[in-house]
Amino acid sequence: MSRSMISAPESRALRLAAALLLLALLSACGPAEVVVKGNFPDPLMEPLPLTMGVWYGEDFAQHEFFDEAKSREESGWIVKTGQAQVQMWDKLLAGMFTDVLHMKGKPGAGQMNQLVDAVLIPHVAELQYAIPAHTNVKVYEIWMRYRFEMVTPSGKPIAEWTMTSYGKTPTAFMQSDEGAVNLAAVMALRDAGANFASNFTRVPAVQEWLQQKWQTPPQEVTP
């Protein structure tokens, strides 16, 4: 009874093909990744006569959200919002205040004091999302919860508060899950900007600080 023989080159080629197939299968099972990109409008408001510093920590400037797949039928997700966060907040703050300066270091006693009235430090405290695979509804949704610190250039606390934002988009307008998640995140960022601009001067600790600084109650700002 004859036995078929496989030459050494053929054996190596078969092993290489098997390895490439396995790599392709593993890649196909990897998480879906979204690097959020979008356009953000300028705020329609009269700037407050303040020089505001801003400090983006690494956790904020490189923020990303990872959700591991719960089963083989689902896909994991990595949603990277850091670049879009910085883009949106830079544009918003530039329209809200007379001058905005990016701090050279995190506010603290050991840092050189730049000529600013206060420093804003934003944080993304939480991000959640929902896609049709989770809800069985053809709507993509993003929720974000922010925590803000406003401090003196030397790091002394002035105010701290939280704020939520929300964005959604129907799949009917998108060609891919990634595109739909991206648009939902952009809408959540726009919502965050509108909420912040509308409510900044209504935060009790901020109101008190402005009153002490100006010696008169601040005029509420309507974006």
N, C-alpha and C. Protein backbone atom coordinates (compact mmCIF):
# COMPACT_ATOMS: atom_id res chain seq x y z
N MET A 1 0.85 -1.17 0.00
CA MET A 1 0.00 0.00 0.00
C MET A 1 0.90 1.23 0.00
N SER A 2 0.71 2.07 -0.98
CA SER A 2 1.59 3.24 -1.12
C SER A 2 1.16 4.36 -0.19
N ARG A 3 2.15 5.16 0.23
CA ARG A 3 1.89 6.32 1.08
C ARG A 3 2.37 7.57 0.36
N SER A 4 1.54 8.60 0.37
CA SER A 4 1.94 9.85 -0.27
C SER A 4 2.99 10.54 0.59
N MET A 5 3.96 11.11 -0.06
CA MET A 5 5.05 11.79 0.63
C MET A 5 4.95 13.29 0.39
N ILE A 6 5.21 14.09 1.44
CA ILE A 6 5.22 15.55 1.33
C ILE A 6 6.64 16.02 1.52
N SER A 7 7.14 16.78 0.56
CA SER A 7 8.51 17.26 0.62
C SER A 7 8.65 18.32 1.71
N ALA A 8 9.87 18.60 2.12
CA ALA A 8 10.14 19.60 3.16
C ALA A 8 9.63 20.98 2.75
N PRO A 9 9.89 21.45 1.52
CA PRO A 9 9.36 22.77 1.13
C PRO A 9 7.85 22.81 1.18
N GLU A 10 7.19 21.73 0.74
CA GLU A 10 5.73 21.70 0.78
C GLU A 10 5.23 21.73 2.22
N SER A 11 5.94 21.04 3.11
CA SER A 11 5.55 21.02 4.51
C SER A 11 5.65 22.41 5.12
N ARG A 12 6.75 23.12 4.80
CA ARG A 12 6.92 24.48 5.33
C ARG A 12 5.83 25.40 4.79
N ALA A 13 5.46 25.23 3.50
CA ALA A 13 4.43 26.06 2.89
C ALA A 13 3.08 25.81 3.56
N LEU A 14 2.80 24.54 3.88
CA LEU A 14 1.53 24.22 4.55
C LEU A 14 1.49 24.81 5.94
N ARG A 15 2.62 24.74 6.67
CA ARG A 15 2.66 25.32 8.02
C ARG A 15 2.47 26.83 7.97
N LEU A 16 3.09 27.47 6.96
CA LEU A 16 2.96 28.92 6.82
C LEU A 16 1.52 29.30 6.50
N ALA A 17 0.88 28.53 5.61
CA ALA A 17 -0.51 28.81 5.26
C ALA A 17 -1.42 28.64 6.46
N ALA A 18 -1.16 27.62 7.27
CA ALA A 18 -1.97 27.39 8.47
C ALA A 18 -1.79 28.52 9.47
N ALA A 19 -0.54 28.98 9.61
CA ALA A 19 -0.28 30.08 10.55
C ALA A 19 -0.97 31.36 10.10
N LEU A 20 -0.94 31.64 8.79
CA LEU A 20 -1.59 32.83 8.26
C LEU A 20 -3.10 32.75 8.44
N LEU A 21 -3.66 31.56 8.24
CA LEU A 21 -5.09 31.37 8.43
C LEU A 21 -5.47 31.59 9.88
N LEU A 22 -4.67 31.06 10.81
CA LEU A 22 -4.94 31.26 12.23
C LEU A 22 -4.85 32.73 12.60
N LEU A 23 -3.84 33.42 12.06
CA LEU A 23 -3.70 34.86 12.35
C LEU A 23 -4.90 35.64 11.84
N ALA A 24 -5.37 35.28 10.65
CA ALA A 24 -6.54 35.96 10.09
C ALA A 24 -7.77 35.73 10.96
N LEU A 25 -7.93 34.50 11.45
CA LEU A 25 -9.07 34.19 12.30
C LEU A 25 -9.01 34.96 13.61
N LEU A 26 -7.80 35.04 14.19
CA LEU A 26 -7.65 35.78 15.43
C LEU A 26 -7.89 37.27 15.22
N SER A 27 -7.42 37.79 14.08
CA SER A 27 -7.64 39.21 13.79
C SER A 27 -9.11 39.52 13.62
N ALA A 28 -9.83 38.60 12.99
CA ALA A 28 -11.26 38.81 12.75
C ALA A 28 -12.04 38.84 14.06
N CYS A 29 -11.47 38.20 15.10
CA CYS A 29 -12.16 38.16 16.38
C CYS A 29 -11.76 39.30 17.30
N GLY A 30 -10.87 40.17 16.84
CA GLY A 30 -10.40 41.27 17.67
C GLY A 30 -11.48 42.31 17.88
N PRO A 31 -11.25 43.22 18.85
CA PRO A 31 -12.25 44.24 19.15
C PRO A 31 -12.39 45.25 18.03
N ALA A 32 -13.59 45.79 17.85
CA ALA A 32 -13.81 46.88 16.91
C ALA A 32 -13.26 48.17 17.53
N GLU A 33 -12.52 48.94 16.74
CA GLU A 33 -11.87 50.14 17.26
C GLU A 33 -12.42 51.38 16.57
N VAL A 34 -12.74 52.38 17.37
CA VAL A 34 -13.24 53.67 16.85
C VAL A 34 -12.37 54.79 17.43
N VAL A 35 -11.68 55.52 16.56
CA VAL A 35 -10.98 56.74 16.95
C VAL A 35 -11.92 57.90 16.61
N VAL A 36 -12.52 58.52 17.60
CA VAL A 36 -13.58 59.49 17.37
C VAL A 36 -13.04 60.73 16.66
N LYS A 37 -13.71 61.11 15.57
CA LYS A 37 -13.36 62.30 14.80
C LYS A 37 -14.64 63.02 14.42
N GLY A 38 -14.59 64.36 14.46
CA GLY A 38 -15.78 65.12 14.10
C GLY A 38 -15.50 66.61 14.08
N ASN A 39 -16.51 67.38 13.70
CA ASN A 39 -16.43 68.83 13.68
C ASN A 39 -17.29 69.39 14.81
N PHE A 40 -16.80 70.47 15.42
CA PHE A 40 -17.49 71.05 16.56
C PHE A 40 -17.68 72.55 16.34
N PRO A 41 -18.90 73.05 16.54
CA PRO A 41 -19.18 74.46 16.27
C PRO A 41 -18.59 75.37 17.33
N ASP A 42 -18.36 76.63 16.95
CA ASP A 42 -17.95 77.65 17.92
C ASP A 42 -19.16 78.01 18.79
N PRO A 43 -18.95 78.26 20.08
CA PRO A 43 -20.07 78.67 20.93
C PRO A 43 -20.55 80.07 20.57
N LEU A 44 -21.86 80.25 20.50
CA LEU A 44 -22.45 81.56 20.18
C LEU A 44 -22.75 82.29 21.48
N MET A 45 -21.76 83.01 21.98
CA MET A 45 -21.90 83.66 23.27
C MET A 45 -20.86 84.77 23.39
N GLU A 46 -21.11 85.68 24.33
CA GLU A 46 -20.15 86.74 24.64
C GLU A 46 -19.12 86.17 25.61
N PRO A 47 -17.83 86.22 25.26
CA PRO A 47 -16.82 85.63 26.15
C PRO A 47 -16.80 86.31 27.52
N LEU A 48 -16.59 85.52 28.54
CA LEU A 48 -16.40 86.06 29.88
C LEU A 48 -15.02 86.72 29.96
N PRO A 49 -14.91 87.87 30.62
CA PRO A 49 -13.63 88.59 30.68
C PRO A 49 -12.67 87.93 31.66
N LEU A 50 -12.22 86.75 31.32
CA LEU A 50 -11.31 85.98 32.16
C LEU A 50 -10.21 85.37 31.30
N THR A 51 -9.05 85.20 31.91
CA THR A 51 -7.99 84.41 31.30
C THR A 51 -8.00 83.05 31.98
N MET A 52 -8.49 82.05 31.27
CA MET A 52 -8.67 80.72 31.85
C MET A 52 -7.55 79.80 31.40
N GLY A 53 -6.90 79.18 32.37
CA GLY A 53 -5.93 78.13 32.05
C GLY A 53 -6.66 76.80 31.94
N VAL A 54 -6.06 75.89 31.19
CA VAL A 54 -6.63 74.55 31.07
C VAL A 54 -5.50 73.53 31.13
N TRP A 55 -5.76 72.46 31.84
CA TRP A 55 -4.79 71.37 31.95
C TRP A 55 -5.48 70.07 31.58
N TYR A 56 -4.98 69.42 30.52
CA TYR A 56 -5.49 68.12 30.11
C TYR A 56 -4.54 67.05 30.62
N GLY A 57 -4.98 66.29 31.59
CA GLY A 57 -4.16 65.19 32.07
C GLY A 57 -4.06 64.09 31.02
N GLU A 58 -3.10 63.21 31.20
CA GLU A 58 -2.90 62.12 30.23
C GLU A 58 -4.14 61.25 30.12
N ASP A 59 -4.82 61.02 31.25
CA ASP A 59 -6.01 60.18 31.21
C ASP A 59 -7.12 60.80 30.39
N PHE A 60 -7.11 62.14 30.26
CA PHE A 60 -8.11 62.84 29.48
C PHE A 60 -7.68 62.96 28.02
N ALA A 61 -6.46 63.44 27.78
CA ALA A 61 -5.98 63.66 26.42
C ALA A 61 -5.84 62.36 25.63
N GLN A 62 -5.69 61.24 26.33
CA GLN A 62 -5.57 59.94 25.67
C GLN A 62 -6.70 59.01 26.08
N HIS A 63 -7.83 59.59 26.42
CA HIS A 63 -8.93 58.79 26.94
C HIS A 63 -9.41 57.76 25.93
N GLU A 64 -9.63 56.55 26.41
CA GLU A 64 -10.26 55.51 25.59
C GLU A 64 -11.08 54.62 26.48
N PHE A 65 -12.07 53.98 25.87
CA PHE A 65 -13.00 53.11 26.58
C PHE A 65 -12.92 51.73 25.96
N PHE A 66 -12.73 50.72 26.79
CA PHE A 66 -12.65 49.34 26.29
C PHE A 66 -13.75 48.51 26.90
N ASP A 67 -14.48 47.81 26.05
CA ASP A 67 -15.52 46.91 26.51
C ASP A 67 -15.26 45.54 25.89
N GLU A 68 -14.94 44.58 26.73
CA GLU A 68 -14.60 43.24 26.25
C GLU A 68 -15.86 42.50 25.83
N ALA A 69 -15.75 41.74 24.75
CA ALA A 69 -16.89 40.96 24.26
C ALA A 69 -17.32 39.96 25.33
N LYS A 70 -18.63 39.84 25.49
CA LYS A 70 -19.17 38.94 26.51
C LYS A 70 -19.32 37.50 25.99
N SER A 71 -19.30 37.35 24.67
CA SER A 71 -19.45 36.03 24.08
C SER A 71 -18.77 36.02 22.71
N ARG A 72 -18.65 34.83 22.12
CA ARG A 72 -18.03 34.72 20.80
C ARG A 72 -18.87 35.39 19.72
N GLU A 73 -20.17 35.51 19.97
CA GLU A 73 -21.05 36.12 18.98
C GLU A 73 -20.95 37.65 18.98
N GLU A 74 -20.43 38.23 20.08
CA GLU A 74 -20.32 39.68 20.18
C GLU A 74 -18.90 40.14 19.86
N SER A 75 -18.78 41.41 19.57
CA SER A 75 -17.48 42.02 19.31
C SER A 75 -17.14 42.96 20.45
N GLY A 76 -15.87 42.92 20.87
CA GLY A 76 -15.42 43.90 21.84
C GLY A 76 -15.26 45.27 21.17
N TRP A 77 -15.18 46.31 21.98
CA TRP A 77 -15.08 47.67 21.44
C TRP A 77 -13.99 48.45 22.14
N ILE A 78 -13.23 49.22 21.36
CA ILE A 78 -12.31 50.22 21.89
C ILE A 78 -12.74 51.55 21.28
N VAL A 79 -13.18 52.47 22.12
CA VAL A 79 -13.63 53.79 21.66
C VAL A 79 -12.64 54.82 22.19
N LYS A 80 -11.88 55.44 21.30
CA LYS A 80 -10.85 56.40 21.68
C LYS A 80 -11.38 57.82 21.48
N THR A 81 -11.60 58.53 22.57
CA THR A 81 -12.19 59.87 22.48
C THR A 81 -11.19 60.99 22.76
N GLY A 82 -9.98 60.66 23.20
CA GLY A 82 -9.04 61.67 23.68
C GLY A 82 -8.79 62.81 22.71
N GLN A 83 -8.44 62.49 21.46
CA GLN A 83 -8.14 63.53 20.47
C GLN A 83 -9.34 64.43 20.23
N ALA A 84 -10.52 63.84 20.12
CA ALA A 84 -11.73 64.63 19.89
C ALA A 84 -12.09 65.45 21.13
N GLN A 85 -11.84 64.90 22.33
CA GLN A 85 -12.08 65.65 23.55
C GLN A 85 -11.29 66.96 23.54
N VAL A 86 -9.99 66.86 23.29
CA VAL A 86 -9.13 68.04 23.29
C VAL A 86 -9.57 69.03 22.22
N GLN A 87 -9.90 68.53 21.04
CA GLN A 87 -10.34 69.41 19.96
C GLN A 87 -11.60 70.18 20.34
N MET A 88 -12.60 69.46 20.89
CA MET A 88 -13.85 70.12 21.24
C MET A 88 -13.67 71.12 22.38
N TRP A 89 -12.98 70.72 23.45
CA TRP A 89 -12.85 71.61 24.60
C TRP A 89 -11.97 72.82 24.29
N ASP A 90 -10.97 72.65 23.45
CA ASP A 90 -10.17 73.81 23.03
C ASP A 90 -11.04 74.84 22.33
N LYS A 91 -11.87 74.38 21.41
CA LYS A 91 -12.73 75.30 20.67
C LYS A 91 -13.77 75.94 21.58
N LEU A 92 -14.36 75.15 22.44
CA LEU A 92 -15.39 75.68 23.34
C LEU A 92 -14.82 76.74 24.28
N LEU A 93 -13.72 76.43 24.94
CA LEU A 93 -13.16 77.35 25.92
C LEU A 93 -12.65 78.63 25.26
N ALA A 94 -12.12 78.52 24.04
CA ALA A 94 -11.66 79.71 23.33
C ALA A 94 -12.81 80.67 23.05
N GLY A 95 -14.02 80.14 22.91
CA GLY A 95 -15.19 80.99 22.68
C GLY A 95 -15.86 81.46 23.95
N MET A 96 -15.56 80.81 25.08
CA MET A 96 -16.21 81.16 26.35
C MET A 96 -15.46 82.23 27.14
N PHE A 97 -14.13 82.31 26.94
CA PHE A 97 -13.31 83.20 27.75
C PHE A 97 -12.48 84.12 26.85
N THR A 98 -12.13 85.29 27.39
CA THR A 98 -11.35 86.25 26.61
C THR A 98 -10.03 85.64 26.15
N ASP A 99 -9.35 84.94 27.05
CA ASP A 99 -8.08 84.27 26.71
C ASP A 99 -8.07 82.89 27.35
N VAL A 100 -7.43 81.95 26.67
CA VAL A 100 -7.26 80.59 27.19
C VAL A 100 -5.79 80.20 27.03
N LEU A 101 -5.19 79.69 28.09
CA LEU A 101 -3.80 79.26 28.05
C LEU A 101 -3.70 77.80 28.45
N HIS A 102 -2.94 77.02 27.69
CA HIS A 102 -2.64 75.65 28.08
C HIS A 102 -1.50 75.68 29.10
N MET A 103 -1.74 75.12 30.26
CA MET A 103 -0.75 75.15 31.32
C MET A 103 0.46 74.28 30.96
N LYS A 104 1.64 74.75 31.34
CA LYS A 104 2.88 74.02 31.05
C LYS A 104 3.07 72.83 31.98
N GLY A 105 2.38 72.86 33.11
CA GLY A 105 2.43 71.76 34.06
C GLY A 105 1.15 71.73 34.86
N LYS A 106 0.89 70.60 35.51
CA LYS A 106 -0.32 70.50 36.33
C LYS A 106 -0.25 71.50 37.47
N PRO A 107 -1.34 72.26 37.71
CA PRO A 107 -1.32 73.26 38.77
C PRO A 107 -0.91 72.66 40.11
N GLY A 108 0.00 73.33 40.78
CA GLY A 108 0.49 72.88 42.07
C GLY A 108 1.47 73.87 42.63
N ALA A 109 1.79 73.69 43.90
CA ALA A 109 2.67 74.65 44.58
C ALA A 109 4.05 74.71 43.93
N GLY A 110 4.48 73.62 43.34
CA GLY A 110 5.82 73.59 42.75
C GLY A 110 5.89 74.06 41.32
N GLN A 111 4.78 74.47 40.74
CA GLN A 111 4.74 74.88 39.33
C GLN A 111 4.89 76.39 39.21
N MET A 112 5.49 76.81 38.09
CA MET A 112 5.55 78.23 37.78
C MET A 112 4.13 78.74 37.53
N ASN A 113 3.76 79.83 38.17
CA ASN A 113 2.41 80.37 38.05
C ASN A 113 2.27 81.19 36.78
N GLN A 114 1.49 80.68 35.82
CA GLN A 114 1.20 81.45 34.63
C GLN A 114 0.11 82.47 34.92
N LEU A 115 0.05 83.51 34.11
CA LEU A 115 -0.88 84.61 34.37
C LEU A 115 -2.29 84.23 33.92
N VAL A 116 -2.98 83.49 34.78
CA VAL A 116 -4.35 83.10 34.51
C VAL A 116 -5.18 83.38 35.76
N ASP A 117 -6.49 83.54 35.56
CA ASP A 117 -7.39 83.75 36.70
C ASP A 117 -7.68 82.45 37.42
N ALA A 118 -7.76 81.37 36.68
CA ALA A 118 -8.05 80.05 37.25
C ALA A 118 -7.65 79.00 36.22
N VAL A 119 -7.65 77.76 36.65
CA VAL A 119 -7.30 76.65 35.75
C VAL A 119 -8.41 75.62 35.79
N LEU A 120 -8.87 75.21 34.62
CA LEU A 120 -9.89 74.17 34.50
C LEU A 120 -9.22 72.84 34.18
N ILE A 121 -9.59 71.80 34.92
CA ILE A 121 -9.06 70.45 34.70
C ILE A 121 -10.24 69.51 34.47
N PRO A 122 -10.49 69.11 33.22
CA PRO A 122 -11.61 68.19 32.95
C PRO A 122 -11.18 66.72 33.06
N HIS A 123 -12.10 65.89 33.47
CA HIS A 123 -11.89 64.44 33.54
C HIS A 123 -13.11 63.74 32.94
N VAL A 124 -12.88 62.64 32.21
CA VAL A 124 -13.98 61.77 31.80
C VAL A 124 -14.11 60.71 32.89
N ALA A 125 -15.14 60.84 33.72
CA ALA A 125 -15.31 59.93 34.84
C ALA A 125 -15.90 58.59 34.40
N GLU A 126 -16.72 58.61 33.33
CA GLU A 126 -17.39 57.38 32.91
C GLU A 126 -17.87 57.52 31.47
N LEU A 127 -17.81 56.44 30.72
CA LEU A 127 -18.37 56.39 29.38
C LEU A 127 -19.08 55.06 29.21
N GLN A 128 -20.31 55.11 28.71
CA GLN A 128 -21.08 53.91 28.42
C GLN A 128 -21.66 54.02 27.02
N TYR A 129 -21.90 52.87 26.41
CA TYR A 129 -22.49 52.89 25.08
C TYR A 129 -23.50 51.76 24.95
N ALA A 130 -24.39 51.92 23.99
CA ALA A 130 -25.36 50.87 23.68
C ALA A 130 -25.48 50.78 22.17
N ILE A 131 -25.43 49.56 21.66
CA ILE A 131 -25.56 49.32 20.23
C ILE A 131 -26.70 48.32 20.03
N PRO A 132 -27.18 48.17 18.80
CA PRO A 132 -28.31 47.26 18.57
C PRO A 132 -28.11 45.86 19.12
N ALA A 133 -26.90 45.34 19.11
CA ALA A 133 -26.66 43.99 19.62
C ALA A 133 -26.98 43.91 21.11
N HIS A 134 -26.88 45.05 21.81
CA HIS A 134 -27.16 45.06 23.24
C HIS A 134 -28.62 45.35 23.54
N THR A 135 -29.26 46.19 22.72
CA THR A 135 -30.59 46.68 23.05
C THR A 135 -31.69 46.17 22.13
N ASN A 136 -31.31 45.59 20.99
CA ASN A 136 -32.28 45.15 19.97
C ASN A 136 -33.08 46.31 19.40
N VAL A 137 -32.61 47.53 19.60
CA VAL A 137 -33.22 48.73 19.02
C VAL A 137 -32.18 49.35 18.10
N LYS A 138 -32.60 49.78 16.91
CA LYS A 138 -31.65 50.28 15.92
C LYS A 138 -31.21 51.71 16.23
N VAL A 139 -30.65 51.89 17.41
CA VAL A 139 -30.14 53.19 17.82
C VAL A 139 -28.80 52.99 18.52
N TYR A 140 -27.82 53.80 18.15
CA TYR A 140 -26.52 53.79 18.80
C TYR A 140 -26.46 54.95 19.78
N GLU A 141 -26.00 54.67 21.01
CA GLU A 141 -26.04 55.68 22.06
C GLU A 141 -24.71 55.73 22.82
N ILE A 142 -24.33 56.93 23.22
CA ILE A 142 -23.14 57.15 24.05
C ILE A 142 -23.53 58.05 25.22
N TRP A 143 -23.15 57.64 26.43
CA TRP A 143 -23.30 58.48 27.62
C TRP A 143 -21.91 58.79 28.17
N MET A 144 -21.69 60.01 28.59
CA MET A 144 -20.44 60.38 29.24
C MET A 144 -20.73 61.18 30.50
N ARG A 145 -19.97 60.90 31.52
CA ARG A 145 -20.05 61.69 32.75
C ARG A 145 -18.69 62.34 32.99
N TYR A 146 -18.71 63.65 33.12
CA TYR A 146 -17.48 64.42 33.34
C TYR A 146 -17.38 64.85 34.80
N ARG A 147 -16.15 65.02 35.22
CA ARG A 147 -15.86 65.67 36.50
C ARG A 147 -14.91 66.83 36.22
N PHE A 148 -15.25 68.01 36.71
CA PHE A 148 -14.43 69.20 36.48
C PHE A 148 -13.85 69.70 37.79
N GLU A 149 -12.59 70.08 37.72
CA GLU A 149 -11.95 70.80 38.80
C GLU A 149 -11.60 72.19 38.29
N MET A 150 -11.85 73.21 39.08
CA MET A 150 -11.34 74.55 38.79
C MET A 150 -10.51 74.96 39.98
N VAL A 151 -9.25 75.29 39.71
CA VAL A 151 -8.29 75.56 40.78
C VAL A 151 -7.53 76.84 40.47
N THR A 152 -6.81 77.35 41.46
CA THR A 152 -5.90 78.47 41.24
C THR A 152 -4.65 77.94 40.53
N PRO A 153 -3.81 78.82 39.98
CA PRO A 153 -2.57 78.35 39.33
C PRO A 153 -1.68 77.54 40.26
N SER A 154 -1.79 77.76 41.56
CA SER A 154 -0.99 76.99 42.51
C SER A 154 -1.69 75.73 42.98
N GLY A 155 -2.88 75.44 42.42
CA GLY A 155 -3.57 74.19 42.72
C GLY A 155 -4.59 74.26 43.83
N LYS A 156 -4.86 75.43 44.38
CA LYS A 156 -5.86 75.54 45.44
C LYS A 156 -7.26 75.38 44.86
N PRO A 157 -8.11 74.51 45.44
CA PRO A 157 -9.44 74.26 44.87
C PRO A 157 -10.33 75.51 44.88
N ILE A 158 -11.04 75.72 43.79
CA ILE A 158 -12.05 76.76 43.69
C ILE A 158 -13.44 76.14 43.59
N ALA A 159 -13.58 75.17 42.71
CA ALA A 159 -14.88 74.51 42.51
C ALA A 159 -14.65 73.12 41.94
N GLU A 160 -15.59 72.23 42.19
CA GLU A 160 -15.58 70.88 41.61
C GLU A 160 -17.03 70.47 41.38
N TRP A 161 -17.31 69.95 40.21
CA TRP A 161 -18.68 69.55 39.89
C TRP A 161 -18.67 68.49 38.79
N THR A 162 -19.81 67.85 38.60
CA THR A 162 -19.96 66.82 37.57
C THR A 162 -21.02 67.24 36.56
N MET A 163 -20.98 66.59 35.41
CA MET A 163 -21.92 66.90 34.33
C MET A 163 -22.02 65.69 33.42
N THR A 164 -23.20 65.44 32.90
CA THR A 164 -23.39 64.32 31.98
C THR A 164 -23.68 64.85 30.57
N SER A 165 -23.43 63.99 29.59
CA SER A 165 -23.78 64.31 28.21
C SER A 165 -24.25 63.04 27.52
N TYR A 166 -24.96 63.22 26.42
CA TYR A 166 -25.59 62.09 25.75
C TYR A 166 -25.62 62.34 24.24
N GLY A 167 -25.38 61.30 23.47
CA GLY A 167 -25.48 61.39 22.03
C GLY A 167 -25.99 60.09 21.44
N LYS A 168 -26.76 60.19 20.37
CA LYS A 168 -27.24 58.98 19.73
C LYS A 168 -27.38 59.21 18.22
N THR A 169 -27.38 58.12 17.48
CA THR A 169 -27.62 58.20 16.04
C THR A 169 -28.28 56.90 15.59
N PRO A 170 -29.26 56.97 14.69
CA PRO A 170 -29.88 55.74 14.17
C PRO A 170 -28.98 55.10 13.13
N THR A 171 -29.01 53.77 13.07
CA THR A 171 -28.17 53.05 12.11
C THR A 171 -28.58 53.33 10.67
N ALA A 172 -29.79 53.83 10.46
CA ALA A 172 -30.27 54.07 9.10
C ALA A 172 -29.39 55.04 8.35
N PHE A 173 -28.68 55.91 9.08
CA PHE A 173 -27.86 56.91 8.43
C PHE A 173 -26.39 56.51 8.33
N MET A 174 -26.04 55.34 8.82
CA MET A 174 -24.64 54.94 8.85
C MET A 174 -24.44 53.65 8.06
N GLN A 175 -23.22 53.48 7.54
CA GLN A 175 -22.91 52.27 6.78
C GLN A 175 -22.20 51.22 7.62
N SER A 176 -21.78 51.57 8.81
CA SER A 176 -21.06 50.63 9.64
C SER A 176 -21.33 50.91 11.11
N ASP A 177 -21.12 49.89 11.95
CA ASP A 177 -21.25 50.09 13.39
C ASP A 177 -20.24 51.12 13.88
N GLU A 178 -19.00 51.05 13.35
CA GLU A 178 -17.96 51.99 13.78
C GLU A 178 -18.36 53.43 13.47
N GLY A 179 -18.90 53.67 12.29
CA GLY A 179 -19.33 55.02 11.92
C GLY A 179 -20.45 55.51 12.80
N ALA A 180 -21.37 54.62 13.16
CA ALA A 180 -22.49 55.00 14.01
C ALA A 180 -22.01 55.34 15.42
N VAL A 181 -21.09 54.54 15.96
CA VAL A 181 -20.55 54.82 17.28
C VAL A 181 -19.79 56.15 17.27
N ASN A 182 -19.04 56.40 16.21
CA ASN A 182 -18.31 57.67 16.09
C ASN A 182 -19.26 58.86 16.12
N LEU A 183 -20.34 58.80 15.35
CA LEU A 183 -21.28 59.92 15.31
C LEU A 183 -21.98 60.11 16.65
N ALA A 184 -22.32 59.01 17.30
CA ALA A 184 -22.94 59.10 18.62
C ALA A 184 -21.99 59.79 19.61
N ALA A 185 -20.69 59.45 19.54
CA ALA A 185 -19.71 60.08 20.43
C ALA A 185 -19.57 61.56 20.12
N VAL A 186 -19.57 61.92 18.84
CA VAL A 186 -19.48 63.34 18.46
C VAL A 186 -20.69 64.10 18.99
N MET A 187 -21.88 63.51 18.87
CA MET A 187 -23.08 64.17 19.38
C MET A 187 -23.02 64.32 20.90
N ALA A 188 -22.44 63.32 21.59
CA ALA A 188 -22.29 63.42 23.04
C ALA A 188 -21.32 64.54 23.41
N LEU A 189 -20.26 64.71 22.63
CA LEU A 189 -19.31 65.79 22.88
C LEU A 189 -19.96 67.15 22.65
N ARG A 190 -20.75 67.26 21.60
CA ARG A 190 -21.45 68.53 21.35
C ARG A 190 -22.42 68.84 22.48
N ASP A 191 -23.09 67.81 22.97
CA ASP A 191 -24.01 68.00 24.08
C ASP A 191 -23.26 68.44 25.33
N ALA A 192 -22.07 67.87 25.54
CA ALA A 192 -21.25 68.27 26.68
C ALA A 192 -20.86 69.74 26.58
N GLY A 193 -20.48 70.18 25.37
CA GLY A 193 -20.11 71.58 25.19
C GLY A 193 -21.26 72.52 25.47
N ALA A 194 -22.45 72.18 24.97
CA ALA A 194 -23.63 73.03 25.19
C ALA A 194 -23.99 73.08 26.67
N ASN A 195 -23.94 71.93 27.35
CA ASN A 195 -24.27 71.91 28.78
C ASN A 195 -23.27 72.73 29.60
N PHE A 196 -22.00 72.59 29.27
CA PHE A 196 -20.97 73.31 30.02
C PHE A 196 -21.12 74.82 29.84
N ALA A 197 -21.31 75.26 28.59
CA ALA A 197 -21.44 76.69 28.32
C ALA A 197 -22.67 77.27 29.01
N SER A 198 -23.76 76.51 29.04
CA SER A 198 -25.00 77.00 29.63
C SER A 198 -24.95 77.06 31.14
N ASN A 199 -24.20 76.16 31.76
CA ASN A 199 -24.30 76.00 33.22
C ASN A 199 -23.06 76.42 33.99
N PHE A 200 -22.00 76.83 33.31
CA PHE A 200 -20.75 77.16 34.00
C PHE A 200 -20.98 78.21 35.08
N THR A 201 -21.62 79.32 34.74
CA THR A 201 -21.82 80.40 35.71
C THR A 201 -22.92 80.09 36.72
N ARG A 202 -23.60 78.95 36.57
CA ARG A 202 -24.65 78.56 37.52
C ARG A 202 -24.13 77.58 38.58
N VAL A 203 -22.91 77.09 38.41
CA VAL A 203 -22.33 76.23 39.45
C VAL A 203 -22.12 77.07 40.70
N PRO A 204 -22.70 76.70 41.84
CA PRO A 204 -22.66 77.57 43.02
C PRO A 204 -21.25 78.05 43.40
N ALA A 205 -20.28 77.15 43.41
CA ALA A 205 -18.92 77.55 43.80
C ALA A 205 -18.30 78.49 42.77
N VAL A 206 -18.64 78.30 41.50
CA VAL A 206 -18.14 79.20 40.46
C VAL A 206 -18.80 80.57 40.61
N GLN A 207 -20.10 80.59 40.87
CA GLN A 207 -20.80 81.86 41.11
C GLN A 207 -20.16 82.64 42.25
N GLU A 208 -19.90 81.95 43.34
CA GLU A 208 -19.29 82.61 44.51
C GLU A 208 -17.93 83.18 44.16
N TRP A 209 -17.13 82.41 43.41
CA TRP A 209 -15.79 82.88 43.01
C TRP A 209 -15.89 84.10 42.11
N LEU A 210 -16.82 84.08 41.16
CA LEU A 210 -16.99 85.21 40.25
C LEU A 210 -17.46 86.45 41.00
N GLN A 211 -18.37 86.26 41.95
CA GLN A 211 -18.86 87.39 42.74
C GLN A 211 -17.73 88.03 43.54
N GLN A 212 -16.89 87.19 44.11
CA GLN A 212 -15.75 87.71 44.87
C GLN A 212 -14.76 88.42 43.94
N LYS A 213 -14.60 87.88 42.74
CA LYS A 213 -13.64 88.46 41.80
C LYS A 213 -14.14 89.77 41.23
N TRP A 214 -15.40 89.82 40.91
CA TRP A 214 -15.97 91.01 40.26
C TRP A 214 -16.70 91.92 41.24
N GLN A 215 -16.94 91.43 42.45
CA GLN A 215 -17.64 92.19 43.47
C GLN A 215 -19.10 92.49 43.11
N THR A 216 -19.57 91.89 42.02
CA THR A 216 -20.97 92.02 41.61
C THR A 216 -21.43 90.67 41.10
N PRO A 217 -22.73 90.38 41.21
CA PRO A 217 -23.23 89.09 40.69
C PRO A 217 -22.94 88.97 39.21
N PRO A 218 -22.40 87.84 38.75
CA PRO A 218 -22.10 87.67 37.33
C PRO A 218 -23.36 87.58 36.50
N GLN A 219 -23.28 88.12 35.32
CA GLN A 219 -24.41 88.02 34.38
C GLN A 219 -24.43 86.64 33.79
N GLU A 220 -25.60 86.00 33.80
CA GLU A 220 -25.69 84.65 33.26
C GLU A 220 -25.45 84.70 31.75
N VAL A 221 -24.74 83.67 31.30
CA VAL A 221 -24.37 83.59 29.88
C VAL A 221 -25.27 82.62 29.17
N THR A 222 -25.84 83.03 28.06
CA THR A 222 -26.67 82.15 27.23
C THR A 222 -25.91 81.83 25.97
N PRO A 223 -25.58 80.56 25.73
CA PRO A 223 -24.79 80.21 24.55
C PRO A 223 -25.60 80.40 23.27
